[in-house]
Structure formats: structure tokens, C-alpha cells
N, C-alpha and C. Protein backbone atom coordinates (compact mmCIF):
# COMPACT_ATOMS: atom_id res chain seq x y z
N MET A 1 111.71 22.90 36.56
CA MET A 1 112.37 21.65 36.29
C MET A 1 111.40 20.49 36.44
N CYS A 2 110.55 20.58 37.45
CA CYS A 2 109.57 19.51 37.64
C CYS A 2 108.61 19.43 36.46
N ALA A 3 108.16 20.59 35.98
CA ALA A 3 107.24 20.60 34.84
C ALA A 3 107.92 20.04 33.59
N LEU A 4 109.18 20.38 33.39
CA LEU A 4 109.92 19.86 32.24
C LEU A 4 110.05 18.34 32.33
N PHE A 5 110.39 17.84 33.50
CA PHE A 5 110.52 16.39 33.69
C PHE A 5 109.21 15.68 33.40
N TRP A 6 108.13 16.14 34.02
CA TRP A 6 106.86 15.46 33.85
C TRP A 6 106.30 15.65 32.45
N GLY A 7 106.60 16.78 31.80
CA GLY A 7 106.20 16.97 30.41
C GLY A 7 106.90 15.98 29.49
N LEU A 8 108.21 15.83 29.68
CA LEU A 8 108.95 14.85 28.89
C LEU A 8 108.48 13.43 29.18
N PHE A 9 108.21 13.14 30.43
CA PHE A 9 107.75 11.81 30.81
C PHE A 9 106.40 11.51 30.18
N TRP A 10 105.53 12.54 30.12
CA TRP A 10 104.21 12.36 29.55
C TRP A 10 104.30 12.15 28.03
N VAL A 11 105.20 12.87 27.37
CA VAL A 11 105.35 12.74 25.92
C VAL A 11 105.96 11.38 25.56
N ASP A 12 107.05 11.04 26.21
CA ASP A 12 107.73 9.78 25.90
C ASP A 12 108.64 9.40 27.07
N GLU A 13 108.34 8.29 27.72
CA GLU A 13 109.13 7.86 28.88
C GLU A 13 110.58 7.59 28.52
N GLU A 14 110.85 7.22 27.29
CA GLU A 14 112.22 6.90 26.87
C GLU A 14 113.12 8.14 26.83
N LEU A 15 112.52 9.35 26.84
CA LEU A 15 113.33 10.56 26.85
C LEU A 15 114.01 10.79 28.19
N ILE A 16 113.50 10.15 29.24
CA ILE A 16 114.09 10.25 30.57
C ILE A 16 115.12 9.14 30.70
N ASP A 17 116.38 9.50 30.65
CA ASP A 17 117.46 8.53 30.71
C ASP A 17 118.02 8.47 32.12
N LEU A 18 117.81 7.36 32.79
CA LEU A 18 118.26 7.20 34.17
C LEU A 18 119.61 6.49 34.23
N PRO A 19 120.47 6.95 35.14
CA PRO A 19 121.68 6.16 35.40
C PRO A 19 121.26 4.81 36.01
N PRO A 20 122.04 3.78 35.81
CA PRO A 20 121.65 2.45 36.28
C PRO A 20 121.50 2.33 37.80
N PHE A 21 122.15 3.20 38.56
CA PHE A 21 122.10 3.08 40.02
C PHE A 21 120.94 3.86 40.64
N VAL A 22 120.14 4.58 39.85
CA VAL A 22 119.02 5.36 40.37
C VAL A 22 117.74 4.60 40.11
N PRO A 23 117.04 4.18 41.20
CA PRO A 23 115.77 3.48 40.99
C PRO A 23 114.72 4.42 40.43
N GLU A 24 113.78 3.87 39.68
CA GLU A 24 112.75 4.69 39.02
C GLU A 24 111.89 5.44 40.04
N TRP A 25 111.56 4.80 41.17
CA TRP A 25 110.71 5.45 42.17
C TRP A 25 111.40 6.68 42.77
N LEU A 26 112.73 6.60 42.94
CA LEU A 26 113.46 7.73 43.49
C LEU A 26 113.46 8.92 42.52
N ASN A 27 113.58 8.63 41.25
CA ASN A 27 113.54 9.68 40.24
C ASN A 27 112.19 10.40 40.27
N HIS A 28 111.11 9.66 40.43
CA HIS A 28 109.78 10.26 40.50
C HIS A 28 109.62 11.10 41.77
N VAL A 29 110.11 10.60 42.88
CA VAL A 29 110.01 11.34 44.14
C VAL A 29 110.80 12.65 44.07
N VAL A 30 112.00 12.60 43.51
CA VAL A 30 112.85 13.78 43.42
C VAL A 30 112.20 14.86 42.55
N HIS A 31 111.44 14.46 41.54
CA HIS A 31 110.83 15.43 40.64
C HIS A 31 109.38 15.77 41.03
N THR A 32 108.86 15.16 42.07
CA THR A 32 107.50 15.47 42.53
C THR A 32 107.53 16.22 43.86
N ALA A 33 108.45 15.89 44.74
CA ALA A 33 108.50 16.48 46.08
C ALA A 33 108.60 18.01 46.07
N PRO A 34 109.38 18.64 45.19
CA PRO A 34 109.42 20.11 45.21
C PRO A 34 108.07 20.75 44.93
N VAL A 35 107.30 20.17 44.03
CA VAL A 35 105.97 20.72 43.72
C VAL A 35 105.05 20.59 44.92
N VAL A 36 105.07 19.43 45.56
CA VAL A 36 104.23 19.21 46.75
C VAL A 36 104.63 20.18 47.86
N ALA A 37 105.94 20.34 48.08
CA ALA A 37 106.41 21.25 49.14
C ALA A 37 106.01 22.69 48.85
N LEU A 38 106.14 23.14 47.60
CA LEU A 38 105.76 24.50 47.25
C LEU A 38 104.27 24.74 47.41
N LEU A 39 103.46 23.76 47.02
CA LEU A 39 102.01 23.91 47.18
C LEU A 39 101.63 23.96 48.65
N LEU A 40 102.21 23.09 49.46
CA LEU A 40 101.91 23.11 50.89
C LEU A 40 102.33 24.43 51.53
N GLU A 41 103.52 24.91 51.19
CA GLU A 41 103.98 26.18 51.75
C GLU A 41 103.07 27.33 51.33
N SER A 42 102.68 27.35 50.08
CA SER A 42 101.87 28.48 49.60
C SER A 42 100.49 28.51 50.24
N PHE A 43 99.96 27.36 50.63
CA PHE A 43 98.63 27.32 51.26
C PHE A 43 98.69 27.43 52.78
N LEU A 44 99.78 27.00 53.41
CA LEU A 44 99.82 26.94 54.87
C LEU A 44 100.51 28.13 55.52
N ILE A 45 101.38 28.82 54.80
CA ILE A 45 102.14 29.91 55.40
C ILE A 45 101.72 31.23 54.76
N PRO A 46 101.28 32.20 55.57
CA PRO A 46 100.91 33.49 54.99
C PRO A 46 102.15 34.25 54.50
N HIS A 47 102.05 34.83 53.32
CA HIS A 47 103.15 35.57 52.73
C HIS A 47 102.71 37.00 52.46
N SER A 48 103.63 37.93 52.56
CA SER A 48 103.36 39.29 52.10
C SER A 48 104.06 39.45 50.76
N HIS A 49 103.34 39.93 49.78
CA HIS A 49 103.86 40.02 48.43
C HIS A 49 104.15 41.46 48.05
N GLN A 50 105.15 41.64 47.21
CA GLN A 50 105.46 42.95 46.65
C GLN A 50 104.43 43.28 45.58
N SER A 51 104.50 44.48 45.07
CA SER A 51 103.57 44.85 44.00
C SER A 51 103.87 44.03 42.75
N ALA A 52 102.85 43.81 41.96
CA ALA A 52 102.98 43.00 40.75
C ALA A 52 103.92 43.67 39.75
N ILE A 53 103.90 44.98 39.67
CA ILE A 53 104.75 45.69 38.71
C ILE A 53 106.22 45.51 39.08
N LEU A 54 106.55 45.63 40.36
CA LEU A 54 107.93 45.44 40.80
C LEU A 54 108.38 44.00 40.56
N THR A 55 107.53 43.04 40.90
CA THR A 55 107.88 41.64 40.72
C THR A 55 108.11 41.31 39.25
N CYS A 56 107.21 41.73 38.39
CA CYS A 56 107.36 41.48 36.95
C CYS A 56 108.60 42.17 36.40
N GLY A 57 108.87 43.38 36.87
CA GLY A 57 110.06 44.09 36.41
C GLY A 57 111.35 43.37 36.78
N VAL A 58 111.44 42.93 38.02
CA VAL A 58 112.65 42.23 38.48
C VAL A 58 112.81 40.90 37.73
N LEU A 59 111.73 40.15 37.59
CA LEU A 59 111.81 38.88 36.87
C LEU A 59 112.15 39.08 35.40
N SER A 60 111.59 40.09 34.78
CA SER A 60 111.89 40.37 33.38
C SER A 60 113.35 40.77 33.21
N PHE A 61 113.85 41.63 34.09
CA PHE A 61 115.24 42.03 34.03
C PHE A 61 116.16 40.83 34.18
N GLY A 62 115.87 39.97 35.15
CA GLY A 62 116.69 38.77 35.35
C GLY A 62 116.64 37.86 34.14
N GLY A 63 115.48 37.70 33.53
CA GLY A 63 115.36 36.86 32.34
C GLY A 63 116.13 37.41 31.16
N VAL A 64 116.06 38.72 30.96
CA VAL A 64 116.79 39.35 29.86
C VAL A 64 118.30 39.21 30.07
N VAL A 65 118.75 39.43 31.29
CA VAL A 65 120.19 39.28 31.58
C VAL A 65 120.63 37.84 31.35
N TYR A 66 119.83 36.87 31.80
CA TYR A 66 120.16 35.45 31.64
C TYR A 66 120.24 35.09 30.15
N VAL A 67 119.24 35.44 29.39
CA VAL A 67 119.23 35.11 27.96
C VAL A 67 120.36 35.85 27.23
N GLY A 68 120.58 37.09 27.60
CA GLY A 68 121.68 37.84 26.98
C GLY A 68 123.03 37.20 27.25
N TRP A 69 123.25 36.78 28.47
CA TRP A 69 124.51 36.12 28.82
C TRP A 69 124.66 34.80 28.07
N PHE A 70 123.58 34.04 27.98
CA PHE A 70 123.59 32.76 27.26
C PHE A 70 123.91 32.99 25.78
N VAL A 71 123.26 33.94 25.16
CA VAL A 71 123.49 34.23 23.75
C VAL A 71 124.92 34.72 23.53
N THR A 72 125.42 35.54 24.43
CA THR A 72 126.79 36.04 24.31
C THR A 72 127.78 34.88 24.38
N LEU A 73 127.62 34.00 25.34
CA LEU A 73 128.54 32.87 25.46
C LEU A 73 128.44 31.93 24.27
N CYS A 74 127.22 31.67 23.82
CA CYS A 74 127.05 30.75 22.70
C CYS A 74 127.57 31.35 21.40
N SER A 75 127.42 32.65 21.21
CA SER A 75 127.91 33.25 19.98
C SER A 75 129.45 33.24 19.94
N ARG A 76 130.08 33.31 21.06
CA ARG A 76 131.56 33.25 21.10
C ARG A 76 132.06 31.82 20.87
N GLN A 77 131.25 30.83 21.25
CA GLN A 77 131.67 29.45 21.11
C GLN A 77 131.04 28.77 19.90
N CYS A 78 130.22 29.49 19.16
CA CYS A 78 129.58 28.97 17.93
C CYS A 78 128.77 27.71 18.20
N CYS A 79 127.91 27.74 19.18
CA CYS A 79 127.12 26.55 19.47
C CYS A 79 125.76 26.56 18.78
N PHE A 80 125.46 27.57 17.97
CA PHE A 80 124.17 27.61 17.28
C PHE A 80 124.23 26.75 16.04
């Protein structure tokens, strides 16, 4: 989500539509803080990782299920 926000912001700032009650600085903090927190955690806390094959398999399965569910719902509602 952070990459999508900053990518859109980099392409065209007008694509980011803010509600009138949200200050611009708060919007930037909300979309930057998760990246900073993840980078700090990944460098400061030791992690034990599963095998790459298992991780890729689980992520691929989840992605296929997600896309399949999305396509199924959209095909029933004719949103294409």
C-alpha cells in the first residue's frame, strides 16, 4: 500500500484525493511510517525464516485463491 501511494504521488499528486479534514503531513506520515517500522524491525530483530520453497508455495497459493475469489465475485456481478 505504501508503494502504491508513493508511486501515485510520484506520477501525479492530483491522483491522491484527500478528505478536507486530513492534513497533508498526516497523510504522508501514515503512508511512510509502516515502511520505516518494517525496515527497523528487519534490521534490529533477528528472525528465523522458513525455507524459500515453502514460503513461495504458501504465498503463491494465497495469491491464486485471492485472485480466483475476486474473479469469481466480479464475474457474477459483471464488473469487467
